[in-house]
Amino acid sequence: MENIKSYFSFENESKLEGEEIYTLLTEVSILEAEGILSEQNIDVSNIYFKLLSQVQYLENDFERNQDEIAYIYHLIGYYVGLFLHPFNGDEVAINYINRAILIEKNEERVNKYKETIKMIKEEL
């Protein structure tokens, strides 16, 4: 299994699958990656693009990867809406999280995703 530093390095083009997604990519690990990239003077917005690339890879087999896709949609929304703050980031974030809610089967995760939307709206 990779660690967060190697996953978010420019040299790494590998993609995660299955349980590895849930164990390596978390709200906490994404913020750790932000710290690592900042220390290396690398634009932290690359986290968004790495997650976007990961989800696009998984979307090639949407039916098989639906749960992981929903999870990463949430992570994208979480990071963009609460930490990255680009122009119109709240709209982008909520859009991704709503996509996650539409396809997520786990009710506990759906509730967590809805809480993230509330937190984003509170920051406005």
C-alpha atoms as a PDB file:
ATOM      1  CA  MET A   1       0.000   0.000   0.000  1.00  0.00           C
ATOM      2  CA  GLU A   2       1.124   3.515  -0.748  1.00  0.00           C
ATOM      3  CA  ASN A   3       1.460   6.273   1.774  1.00  0.00           C
ATOM      4  CA  ILE A   4      -0.071   9.713   1.392  1.00  0.00           C
ATOM      5  CA  LYS A   5       3.229  11.387   0.500  1.00  0.00           C
ATOM      6  CA  SER A   6       3.951   9.020  -2.386  1.00  0.00           C
ATOM      7  CA  TYR A   7       0.339   9.059  -3.601  1.00  0.00           C
ATOM      8  CA  PHE A   8       0.353  12.856  -3.967  1.00  0.00           C
ATOM      9  CA  SER A   9       3.798  13.073  -5.557  1.00  0.00           C
ATOM     10  CA  PHE A  10       4.237  14.155  -9.178  1.00  0.00           C
ATOM     11  CA  GLU A  11       6.127  10.968  -9.944  1.00  0.00           C
ATOM     12  CA  ASN A  12       3.202   8.748  -8.948  1.00  0.00           C
ATOM     13  CA  GLU A  13       0.672   8.043 -11.644  1.00  0.00           C
ATOM     14  CA  SER A  14      -0.798   4.927 -10.006  1.00  0.00           C
ATOM     15  CA  LYS A  15      -4.445   4.743  -9.037  1.00  0.00           C
ATOM     16  CA  LEU A  16      -6.038   3.243  -5.949  1.00  0.00           C
ATOM     17  CA  GLU A  17      -8.758   0.630  -5.973  1.00  0.00           C
ATOM     18  CA  GLY A  18     -11.165  -0.944  -3.510  1.00  0.00           C
ATOM     19  CA  GLU A  19     -10.468  -0.763   0.213  1.00  0.00           C
ATOM     20  CA  GLU A  20      -7.180   1.034  -0.388  1.00  0.00           C
ATOM     21  CA  ILE A  21      -9.188   4.137  -1.305  1.00  0.00           C
ATOM     22  CA  TYR A  22     -10.888   4.231   2.097  1.00  0.00           C
ATOM     23  CA  THR A  23      -7.714   3.554   4.069  1.00  0.00           C
ATOM     24  CA  LEU A  24      -5.380   5.994   2.300  1.00  0.00           C
ATOM     25  CA  LEU A  25      -7.735   8.801   1.324  1.00  0.00           C
ATOM     26  CA  THR A  26      -9.440  10.406   4.292  1.00  0.00           C
ATOM     27  CA  GLU A  27     -10.285  13.940   5.311  1.00  0.00           C
ATOM     28  CA  VAL A  28      -7.254  13.890   7.612  1.00  0.00           C
ATOM     29  CA  SER A  29      -4.833  12.435   5.063  1.00  0.00           C
ATOM     30  CA  ILE A  30      -5.831  15.012   2.471  1.00  0.00           C
ATOM     31  CA  LEU A  31      -4.964  17.779   4.926  1.00  0.00           C
ATOM     32  CA  GLU A  32      -1.673  15.998   5.645  1.00  0.00           C
ATOM     33  CA  ALA A  33      -1.013  16.004   1.893  1.00  0.00           C
ATOM     34  CA  GLU A  34      -1.718  19.731   1.824  1.00  0.00           C
ATOM     35  CA  GLY A  35       0.963  20.240   4.460  1.00  0.00           C
ATOM     36  CA  ILE A  36       3.444  18.059   2.573  1.00  0.00           C
ATOM     37  CA  LEU A  37       2.856  19.902  -0.706  1.00  0.00           C
ATOM     38  CA  SER A  38       3.091  23.290   1.012  1.00  0.00           C
ATOM     39  CA  GLU A  39       6.442  22.339   2.532  1.00  0.00           C
ATOM     40  CA  GLN A  40       7.688  21.471  -0.964  1.00  0.00           C
ATOM     41  CA  ASN A  41       6.314  24.755  -2.409  1.00  0.00           C
ATOM     42  CA  ILE A  42       3.909  22.803  -4.620  1.00  0.00           C
ATOM     43  CA  ASP A  43       0.505  24.315  -5.344  1.00  0.00           C
ATOM     44  CA  VAL A  44      -1.965  22.545  -3.039  1.00  0.00           C
ATOM     45  CA  SER A  45      -4.688  22.740  -5.680  1.00  0.00           C
ATOM     46  CA  ASN A  46      -2.937  19.697  -7.147  1.00  0.00           C
ATOM     47  CA  ILE A  47      -4.785  17.675  -4.495  1.00  0.00           C
ATOM     48  CA  TYR A  48      -8.036  18.491  -6.263  1.00  0.00           C
ATOM     49  CA  PHE A  49      -6.637  17.384  -9.605  1.00  0.00           C
ATOM     50  CA  LYS A  50      -5.211  14.158  -8.177  1.00  0.00           C
ATOM     51  CA  LEU A  51      -8.599  13.293  -6.669  1.00  0.00           C
ATOM     52  CA  LEU A  52     -10.314  14.237  -9.921  1.00  0.00           C
ATOM     53  CA  SER A  53      -7.976  11.958 -11.861  1.00  0.00           C
ATOM     54  CA  GLN A  54      -8.627   9.158  -9.356  1.00  0.00           C
ATOM     55  CA  VAL A  55     -12.389   9.458  -9.699  1.00  0.00           C
ATOM     56  CA  GLN A  56     -12.208   9.618 -13.499  1.00  0.00           C
ATOM     57  CA  TYR A  57     -10.228   6.371 -13.444  1.00  0.00           C
ATOM     58  CA  LEU A  58     -12.896   4.723 -11.298  1.00  0.00           C
ATOM     59  CA  GLU A  59     -15.708   6.045 -13.484  1.00  0.00           C
ATOM     60  CA  ASN A  60     -14.433   3.821 -16.298  1.00  0.00           C
ATOM     61  CA  ASP A  61     -16.272   1.015 -14.468  1.00  0.00           C
ATOM     62  CA  PHE A  62     -18.978   3.031 -12.748  1.00  0.00           C
ATOM     63  CA  GLU A  63     -21.143   0.101 -11.658  1.00  0.00           C
ATOM     64  CA  ARG A  64     -18.295  -1.773  -9.977  1.00  0.00           C
ATOM     65  CA  ASN A  65     -16.790   1.344  -8.344  1.00  0.00           C
ATOM     66  CA  GLN A  66     -19.942   3.253  -7.419  1.00  0.00           C
ATOM     67  CA  ASP A  67     -19.289   3.338  -3.661  1.00  0.00           C
ATOM     68  CA  GLU A  68     -15.681   4.458  -4.099  1.00  0.00           C
ATOM     69  CA  ILE A  69     -16.749   7.100  -6.621  1.00  0.00           C
ATOM     70  CA  ALA A  70     -19.294   8.515  -4.169  1.00  0.00           C
ATOM     71  CA  TYR A  71     -16.656   8.564  -1.447  1.00  0.00           C
ATOM     72  CA  ILE A  72     -14.165  10.461  -3.601  1.00  0.00           C
ATOM     73  CA  TYR A  73     -16.844  12.892  -4.803  1.00  0.00           C
ATOM     74  CA  HIS A  74     -17.358  13.689  -1.134  1.00  0.00           C
ATOM     75  CA  LEU A  75     -13.627  14.103  -0.523  1.00  0.00           C
ATOM     76  CA  ILE A  76     -13.384  16.479  -3.477  1.00  0.00           C
ATOM     77  CA  GLY A  77     -16.294  18.521  -2.168  1.00  0.00           C
ATOM     78  CA  TYR A  78     -14.922  18.480   1.360  1.00  0.00           C
ATOM     79  CA  TYR A  79     -11.505  19.710   0.301  1.00  0.00           C
ATOM     80  CA  VAL A  80     -12.667  22.281  -2.246  1.00  0.00           C
ATOM     81  CA  GLY A  81     -15.453  23.672  -0.079  1.00  0.00           C
ATOM     82  CA  LEU A  82     -13.761  23.768   3.295  1.00  0.00           C
ATOM     83  CA  PHE A  83     -10.045  24.182   2.593  1.00  0.00           C
ATOM     84  CA  LEU A  84      -9.107  25.084  -0.977  1.00  0.00           C
ATOM     85  CA  HIS A  85     -11.638  27.928  -1.410  1.00  0.00           C
ATOM     86  CA  PRO A  86     -11.277  28.700  -5.136  1.00  0.00           C
ATOM     87  CA  PHE A  87     -13.659  31.102  -6.864  1.00  0.00           C
ATOM     88  CA  ASN A  88     -17.140  29.579  -6.660  1.00  0.00           C
ATOM     89  CA  GLY A  89     -15.619  26.717  -4.691  1.00  0.00           C
ATOM     90  CA  ASP A  90     -18.737  26.324  -2.571  1.00  0.00           C
ATOM     91  CA  GLU A  91     -20.798  25.637  -5.706  1.00  0.00           C
ATOM     92  CA  VAL A  92     -18.253  23.155  -7.038  1.00  0.00           C
ATOM     93  CA  ALA A  93     -18.004  21.443  -3.648  1.00  0.00           C
ATOM     94  CA  ILE A  94     -21.742  21.130  -3.113  1.00  0.00           C
ATOM     95  CA  ASN A  95     -22.174  19.824  -6.664  1.00  0.00           C
ATOM     96  CA  TYR A  96     -19.698  17.001  -6.026  1.00  0.00           C
ATOM     97  CA  ILE A  97     -21.208  16.169  -2.658  1.00  0.00           C
ATOM     98  CA  ASN A  98     -24.711  16.072  -4.135  1.00  0.00           C
ATOM     99  CA  ARG A  99     -23.401  13.627  -6.753  1.00  0.00           C
ATOM    100  CA  ALA A 100     -22.064  11.513  -3.903  1.00  0.00           C
ATOM    101  CA  ILE A 101     -25.432  11.576  -2.135  1.00  0.00           C
ATOM    102  CA  LEU A 102     -27.234  10.468  -5.303  1.00  0.00           C
ATOM    103  CA  ILE A 103     -25.176   7.323  -5.730  1.00  0.00           C
ATOM    104  CA  GLU A 104     -24.183   6.430  -2.147  1.00  0.00           C
ATOM    105  CA  LYS A 105     -25.957   3.387  -0.708  1.00  0.00           C
ATOM    106  CA  ASN A 106     -24.617   3.690   2.843  1.00  0.00           C
ATOM    107  CA  GLU A 107     -27.014   5.829   4.888  1.00  0.00           C
ATOM    108  CA  GLU A 108     -24.341   6.724   7.445  1.00  0.00           C
ATOM    109  CA  ARG A 109     -22.147   8.160   4.698  1.00  0.00           C
ATOM    110  CA  VAL A 110     -25.093  10.013   3.161  1.00  0.00           C
ATOM    111  CA  ASN A 111     -25.694  11.701   6.518  1.00  0.00           C
ATOM    112  CA  LYS A 112     -22.007  12.587   6.780  1.00  0.00           C
ATOM    113  CA  TYR A 113     -22.079  14.073   3.267  1.00  0.00           C
ATOM    114  CA  LYS A 114     -25.117  16.170   4.156  1.00  0.00           C
ATOM    115  CA  GLU A 115     -23.277  17.454   7.235  1.00  0.00           C
ATOM    116  CA  THR A 116     -20.380  18.506   5.022  1.00  0.00           C
ATOM    117  CA  ILE A 117     -22.775  20.543   2.866  1.00  0.00           C
ATOM    118  CA  LYS A 118     -24.052  22.268   6.030  1.00  0.00           C
ATOM    119  CA  MET A 119     -20.489  23.094   7.075  1.00  0.00           C
ATOM    120  CA  ILE A 120     -19.729  24.557   3.631  1.00  0.00           C
ATOM    121  CA  LYS A 121     -22.862  26.695   3.740  1.00  0.00           C
ATOM    122  CA  GLU A 122     -21.952  27.942   7.221  1.00  0.00           C
ATOM    123  CA  GLU A 123     -18.629  29.225   5.893  1.00  0.00           C
ATOM    124  CA  LEU A 124     -20.341  31.440   3.308  1.00  0.00           C
END
